[in-house]
């Protein structure tokens, strides 16, 4: 499940990506084959952290399993 992290809050991608020009047709981040295509990976500080990405709009996206 993808979530958007901002400061100390967690948002569903629908709340943030719905108005983004880079989102797919359903207002979701462009997520394909386990990678965020509208952003880049961020290095993990520990192995226990979920995979995190920074989208081109500057938001942090985490893949929570």
PDB file of N, CA and C in Angstrom:
ATOM      1  N   UNK A   1       0.848  -1.170   0.000  1.00  0.00           N
ATOM      2  CA  UNK A   1       0.000   0.000   0.000  1.00  0.00           C
ATOM      3  C   UNK A   1       0.895   1.234   0.000  1.00  0.00           C
ATOM      4  N   UNK A   2       0.601   2.148  -0.901  1.00  0.00           N
ATOM      5  CA  UNK A   2       1.353   3.393  -0.974  1.00  0.00           C
ATOM      6  C   UNK A   2       0.721   4.440  -0.075  1.00  0.00           C
ATOM      7  N   UNK A   3       1.562   5.203   0.619  1.00  0.00           N
ATOM      8  CA  UNK A   3       1.108   6.317   1.448  1.00  0.00           C
ATOM      9  C   UNK A   3       2.009   7.517   1.183  1.00  0.00           C
ATOM     10  N   UNK A   4       1.471   8.697   1.435  1.00  0.00           N
ATOM     11  CA  UNK A   4       2.231   9.932   1.306  1.00  0.00           C
ATOM     12  C   UNK A   4       2.606  10.389   2.717  1.00  0.00           C
ATOM     13  N   UNK A   5       3.883  10.669   2.950  1.00  0.00           N
ATOM     14  CA  UNK A   5       4.369  11.121   4.255  1.00  0.00           C
ATOM     15  C   UNK A   5       4.682  12.611   4.177  1.00  0.00           C
ATOM     16  N   UNK A   6       4.088  13.378   5.091  1.00  0.00           N
ATOM     17  CA  UNK A   6       4.379  14.809   5.174  1.00  0.00           C
ATOM     18  C   UNK A   6       4.509  15.173   6.646  1.00  0.00           C
ATOM     19  N   UNK A   7       5.696  15.621   7.023  1.00  0.00           N
ATOM     20  CA  UNK A   7       6.000  15.947   8.419  1.00  0.00           C
ATOM     21  C   UNK A   7       5.630  14.771   9.313  1.00  0.00           C
ATOM     22  N   UNK A   8       4.654  14.924  10.176  1.00  0.00           N
ATOM     23  CA  UNK A   8       4.269  13.839  11.077  1.00  0.00           C
ATOM     24  C   UNK A   8       2.900  13.271  10.706  1.00  0.00           C
ATOM     25  N   UNK A   9       2.500  13.407   9.441  1.00  0.00           N
ATOM     26  CA  UNK A   9       1.191  12.942   8.995  1.00  0.00           C
ATOM     27  C   UNK A   9       1.324  11.953   7.847  1.00  0.00           C
ATOM     28  N   UNK A  10       0.331  11.078   7.731  1.00  0.00           N
ATOM     29  CA  UNK A  10       0.263  10.099   6.651  1.00  0.00           C
ATOM     30  C   UNK A  10      -1.032  10.341   5.883  1.00  0.00           C
ATOM     31  N   UNK A  11      -0.928  10.411   4.565  1.00  0.00           N
ATOM     32  CA  UNK A  11      -2.089  10.642   3.711  1.00  0.00           C
ATOM     33  C   UNK A  11      -2.209   9.523   2.686  1.00  0.00           C
ATOM     34  N   UNK A  12      -3.420   9.258   2.266  1.00  0.00           N
ATOM     35  CA  UNK A  12      -3.641   8.338   1.156  1.00  0.00           C
ATOM     36  C   UNK A  12      -3.252   9.066  -0.133  1.00  0.00           C
ATOM     37  N   UNK A  13      -2.686   8.346  -1.104  1.00  0.00           N
ATOM     38  CA  UNK A  13      -2.301   9.006  -2.360  1.00  0.00           C
ATOM     39  C   UNK A  13      -3.462   9.721  -3.048  1.00  0.00           C
ATOM     40  N   UNK A  14      -4.687   9.230  -2.882  1.00  0.00           N
ATOM     41  CA  UNK A  14      -5.840   9.870  -3.507  1.00  0.00           C
ATOM     42  C   UNK A  14      -6.005  11.311  -3.033  1.00  0.00           C
ATOM     43  N   UNK A  15      -5.611  11.598  -1.793  1.00  0.00           N
ATOM     44  CA  UNK A  15      -5.749  12.942  -1.241  1.00  0.00           C
ATOM     45  C   UNK A  15      -4.730  13.910  -1.828  1.00  0.00           C
ATOM     46  N   UNK A  16      -3.577  13.403  -2.245  1.00  0.00           N
ATOM     47  CA  UNK A  16      -2.489  14.263  -2.705  1.00  0.00           C
ATOM     48  C   UNK A  16      -2.332  14.204  -4.223  1.00  0.00           C
ATOM     49  N   UNK A  17      -2.391  13.010  -4.775  1.00  0.00           N
ATOM     50  CA  UNK A  17      -2.062  12.810  -6.188  1.00  0.00           C
ATOM     51  C   UNK A  17      -3.218  13.103  -7.140  1.00  0.00           C
ATOM     52  N   UNK A  18      -4.415  13.196  -6.632  1.00  0.00           N
ATOM     53  CA  UNK A  18      -5.598  13.378  -7.471  1.00  0.00           C
ATOM     54  C   UNK A  18      -5.453  14.558  -8.426  1.00  0.00           C
ATOM     55  N   UNK A  19      -4.827  15.643  -7.991  1.00  0.00           N
ATOM     56  CA  UNK A  19      -4.694  16.832  -8.836  1.00  0.00           C
ATOM     57  C   UNK A  19      -3.327  16.947  -9.503  1.00  0.00           C
ATOM     58  N   UNK A  20      -2.481  15.943  -9.348  1.00  0.00           N
ATOM     59  CA  UNK A  20      -1.132  15.987  -9.920  1.00  0.00           C
ATOM     60  C   UNK A  20      -1.176  15.624 -11.399  1.00  0.00           C
ATOM     61  N   UNK A  21      -0.506  16.404 -12.219  1.00  0.00           N
ATOM     62  CA  UNK A  21      -0.443  16.124 -13.651  1.00  0.00           C
ATOM     63  C   UNK A  21       0.361  14.865 -13.966  1.00  0.00           C
ATOM     64  N   UNK A  22       1.190  14.431 -13.034  1.00  0.00           N
ATOM     65  CA  UNK A  22       2.015  13.235 -13.252  1.00  0.00           C
ATOM     66  C   UNK A  22       1.327  11.950 -12.808  1.00  0.00           C
ATOM     67  N   UNK A  23       0.175  12.064 -12.157  1.00  0.00           N
ATOM     68  CA  UNK A  23      -0.550  10.879 -11.683  1.00  0.00           C
ATOM     69  C   UNK A  23      -1.158  10.142 -12.864  1.00  0.00           C
ATOM     70  N   UNK A  24      -1.504   8.876 -12.620  1.00  0.00           N
ATOM     71  CA  UNK A  24      -2.147   8.112 -13.682  1.00  0.00           C
ATOM     72  C   UNK A  24      -3.604   8.552 -13.834  1.00  0.00           C
ATOM     73  N   UNK A  25      -4.331   7.923 -14.724  1.00  0.00           N
ATOM     74  CA  UNK A  25      -5.700   8.317 -15.018  1.00  0.00           C
ATOM     75  C   UNK A  25      -6.655   8.215 -13.853  1.00  0.00           C
ATOM     76  N   UNK A  26      -6.318   7.389 -12.848  1.00  0.00           N
ATOM     77  CA  UNK A  26      -7.186   7.233 -11.682  1.00  0.00           C
ATOM     78  C   UNK A  26      -6.733   8.097 -10.502  1.00  0.00           C
ATOM     79  N   UNK A  27      -5.764   8.985 -10.727  1.00  0.00           N
ATOM     80  CA  UNK A  27      -5.294   9.867  -9.662  1.00  0.00           C
ATOM     81  C   UNK A  27      -4.333   9.209  -8.694  1.00  0.00           C
ATOM     82  N   UNK A  28      -3.711   8.128  -9.108  1.00  0.00           N
ATOM     83  CA  UNK A  28      -2.744   7.406  -8.275  1.00  0.00           C
ATOM     84  C   UNK A  28      -1.330   7.691  -8.760  1.00  0.00           C
ATOM     85  N   UNK A  29      -0.323   7.532  -7.890  1.00  0.00           N
ATOM     86  CA  UNK A  29       1.059   7.673  -8.338  1.00  0.00           C
ATOM     87  C   UNK A  29       1.359   6.638  -9.422  1.00  0.00           C
ATOM     88  N   UNK A  30       2.250   6.961 -10.299  1.00  0.00           N
ATOM     89  CA  UNK A  30       2.621   6.027 -11.372  1.00  0.00           C
ATOM     90  C   UNK A  30       3.549   4.955 -10.806  1.00  0.00           C
ATOM     91  N   UNK A  31       2.949   3.902 -10.312  1.00  0.00           N
ATOM     92  CA  UNK A  31       3.644   2.799  -9.649  1.00  0.00           C
ATOM     93  C   UNK A  31       3.607   1.590 -10.576  1.00  0.00           C
ATOM     94  N   UNK A  32       4.782   1.139 -11.029  1.00  0.00           N
ATOM     95  CA  UNK A  32       4.846  -0.007 -11.930  1.00  0.00           C
ATOM     96  C   UNK A  32       6.006  -0.904 -11.544  1.00  0.00           C
ATOM     97  N   UNK A  33       5.708  -2.187 -11.493  1.00  0.00           N
ATOM     98  CA  UNK A  33       6.720  -3.209 -11.226  1.00  0.00           C
ATOM     99  C   UNK A  33       7.545  -2.884  -9.987  1.00  0.00           C
ATOM    100  N   UNK A  34       6.869  -2.413  -8.926  1.00  0.00           N
ATOM    101  CA  UNK A  34       7.532  -2.165  -7.658  1.00  0.00           C
ATOM    102  C   UNK A  34       8.347  -0.890  -7.582  1.00  0.00           C
ATOM    103  N   UNK A  35       8.172   0.021  -8.539  1.00  0.00           N
ATOM    104  CA  UNK A  35       8.928   1.270  -8.537  1.00  0.00           C
ATOM    105  C   UNK A  35       7.997   2.445  -8.819  1.00  0.00           C
ATOM    106  N   UNK A  36       8.338   3.597  -8.245  1.00  0.00           N
ATOM    107  CA  UNK A  36       7.606   4.827  -8.497  1.00  0.00           C
ATOM    108  C   UNK A  36       8.196   5.482  -9.743  1.00  0.00           C
ATOM    109  N   UNK A  37       7.417   5.588 -10.794  1.00  0.00           N
ATOM    110  CA  UNK A  37       7.921   6.138 -12.053  1.00  0.00           C
ATOM    111  C   UNK A  37       7.838   7.652 -12.116  1.00  0.00           C
ATOM    112  N   UNK A  38       7.155   8.284 -11.179  1.00  0.00           N
ATOM    113  CA  UNK A  38       7.088   9.744 -11.172  1.00  0.00           C
ATOM    114  C   UNK A  38       7.936  10.292 -10.018  1.00  0.00           C
ATOM    115  N   UNK A  39       9.035   9.591  -9.704  1.00  0.00           N
ATOM    116  CA  UNK A  39       9.933  10.014  -8.635  1.00  0.00           C
ATOM    117  C   UNK A  39      11.182   9.152  -8.594  1.00  0.00           C
ATOM    118  N   UNK A  40      11.949   9.293  -7.517  1.00  0.00           N
ATOM    119  CA  UNK A  40      13.176   8.503  -7.375  1.00  0.00           C
ATOM    120  C   UNK A  40      13.259   7.910  -5.964  1.00  0.00           C
ATOM    121  N   UNK A  41      13.996   6.823  -5.847  1.00  0.00           N
ATOM    122  CA  UNK A  41      14.158   6.137  -4.562  1.00  0.00           C
ATOM    123  C   UNK A  41      15.004   6.971  -3.604  1.00  0.00           C
ATOM    124  N   UNK A  42      14.665   6.874  -2.324  1.00  0.00           N
ATOM    125  CA  UNK A  42      15.420   7.519  -1.255  1.00  0.00           C
ATOM    126  C   UNK A  42      16.122   6.410  -0.472  1.00  0.00           C
ATOM    127  N   UNK A  43      17.362   6.630  -0.148  1.00  0.00           N
ATOM    128  CA  UNK A  43      18.124   5.625   0.598  1.00  0.00           C
ATOM    129  C   UNK A  43      17.536   5.415   1.985  1.00  0.00           C
ATOM    130  N   UNK A  44      17.435   4.144   2.372  1.00  0.00           N
ATOM    131  CA  UNK A  44      16.914   3.795   3.696  1.00  0.00           C
ATOM    132  C   UNK A  44      17.970   4.067   4.764  1.00  0.00           C
ATOM    133  N   UNK A  45      17.523   4.511   5.945  1.00  0.00           N
ATOM    134  CA  UNK A  45      18.436   4.685   7.067  1.00  0.00           C
ATOM    135  C   UNK A  45      18.666   3.358   7.782  1.00  0.00           C
ATOM    136  N   UNK A  46      17.612   2.519   7.818  1.00  0.00           N
ATOM    137  CA  UNK A  46      17.721   1.181   8.390  1.00  0.00           C
ATOM    138  C   UNK A  46      17.005   0.201   7.465  1.00  0.00           C
ATOM    139  N   UNK A  47      17.331  -1.066   7.588  1.00  0.00           N
ATOM    140  CA  UNK A  47      16.690  -2.077   6.754  1.00  0.00           C
ATOM    141  C   UNK A  47      15.229  -2.278   7.109  1.00  0.00           C
ATOM    142  N   UNK A  48      14.823  -1.852   8.297  1.00  0.00           N
ATOM    143  CA  UNK A  48      13.452  -2.061   8.755  1.00  0.00           C
ATOM    144  C   UNK A  48      12.488  -1.009   8.225  1.00  0.00           C
ATOM    145  N   UNK A  49      12.993   0.030   7.595  1.00  0.00           N
ATOM    146  CA  UNK A  49      12.136   1.060   7.023  1.00  0.00           C
ATOM    147  C   UNK A  49      11.515   0.557   5.721  1.00  0.00           C
ATOM    148  N   UNK A  50      10.301   1.021   5.415  1.00  0.00           N
ATOM    149  CA  UNK A  50       9.718   0.663   4.115  1.00  0.00           C
ATOM    150  C   UNK A  50      10.455   1.392   2.994  1.00  0.00           C
ATOM    151  N   UNK A  51      10.311   0.896   1.769  1.00  0.00           N
ATOM    152  CA  UNK A  51      10.883   1.584   0.625  1.00  0.00           C
ATOM    153  C   UNK A  51      10.241   2.961   0.529  1.00  0.00           C
ATOM    154  N   UNK A  52      11.078   3.988   0.326  1.00  0.00           N
ATOM    155  CA  UNK A  52      10.574   5.352   0.232  1.00  0.00           C
ATOM    156  C   UNK A  52      11.091   6.006  -1.042  1.00  0.00           C
ATOM    157  N   UNK A  53      10.264   6.899  -1.568  1.00  0.00           N
ATOM    158  CA  UNK A  53      10.570   7.598  -2.807  1.00  0.00           C
ATOM    159  C   UNK A  53      10.230   9.064  -2.630  1.00  0.00           C
ATOM    160  N   UNK A  54      10.847   9.912  -3.436  1.00  0.00           N
ATOM    161  CA  UNK A  54      10.453  11.311  -3.483  1.00  0.00           C
ATOM    162  C   UNK A  54       9.878  11.556  -4.864  1.00  0.00           C
ATOM    163  N   UNK A  55       8.624  12.001  -4.902  1.00  0.00           N
ATOM    164  CA  UNK A  55       7.989  12.254  -6.190  1.00  0.00           C
ATOM    165  C   UNK A  55       8.530  13.552  -6.770  1.00  0.00           C
ATOM    166  N   UNK A  56       8.271  13.769  -8.044  1.00  0.00           N
ATOM    167  CA  UNK A  56       8.762  14.971  -8.713  1.00  0.00           C
ATOM    168  C   UNK A  56       8.137  16.248  -8.167  1.00  0.00           C
ATOM    169  N   UNK A  57       7.014  16.125  -7.466  1.00  0.00           N
ATOM    170  CA  UNK A  57       6.377  17.284  -6.852  1.00  0.00           C
ATOM    171  C   UNK A  57       6.939  17.564  -5.452  1.00  0.00           C
ATOM    172  N   UNK A  58       7.829  16.694  -4.953  1.00  0.00           N
ATOM    173  CA  UNK A  58       8.493  16.919  -3.668  1.00  0.00           C
ATOM    174  C   UNK A  58       7.914  16.169  -2.494  1.00  0.00           C
ATOM    175  N   UNK A  59       6.869  15.357  -2.721  1.00  0.00           N
ATOM    176  CA  UNK A  59       6.282  14.591  -1.627  1.00  0.00           C
ATOM    177  C   UNK A  59       7.039  13.279  -1.425  1.00  0.00           C
ATOM    178  N   UNK A  60       7.031  12.780  -0.206  1.00  0.00           N
ATOM    179  CA  UNK A  60       7.656  11.503   0.102  1.00  0.00           C
ATOM    180  C   UNK A  60       6.587  10.411   0.043  1.00  0.00           C
ATOM    181  N   UNK A  61       6.846   9.371  -0.716  1.00  0.00           N
ATOM    182  CA  UNK A  61       5.931   8.266  -0.909  1.00  0.00           C
ATOM    183  C   UNK A  61       6.567   7.018  -0.312  1.00  0.00           C
ATOM    184  N   UNK A  62       5.826   6.306   0.522  1.00  0.00           N
ATOM    185  CA  UNK A  62       6.338   5.079   1.146  1.00  0.00           C
ATOM    186  C   UNK A  62       5.473   3.903   0.716  1.00  0.00           C
ATOM    187  N   UNK A  63       6.107   2.762   0.526  1.00  0.00           N
ATOM    188  CA  UNK A  63       5.407   1.539   0.193  1.00  0.00           C
ATOM    189  C   UNK A  63       5.322   0.694   1.458  1.00  0.00           C
ATOM    190  N   UNK A  64       4.155   0.719   2.109  1.00  0.00           N
ATOM    191  CA  UNK A  64       3.928   0.003   3.353  1.00  0.00           C
ATOM    192  C   UNK A  64       3.310  -1.359   3.035  1.00  0.00           C
ATOM    193  N   UNK A  65       3.948  -2.404   3.469  1.00  0.00           N
ATOM    194  CA  UNK A  65       3.398  -3.748   3.201  1.00  0.00           C
ATOM    195  C   UNK A  65       2.658  -4.275   4.396  1.00  0.00           C
TER     196      UNK A  65
END
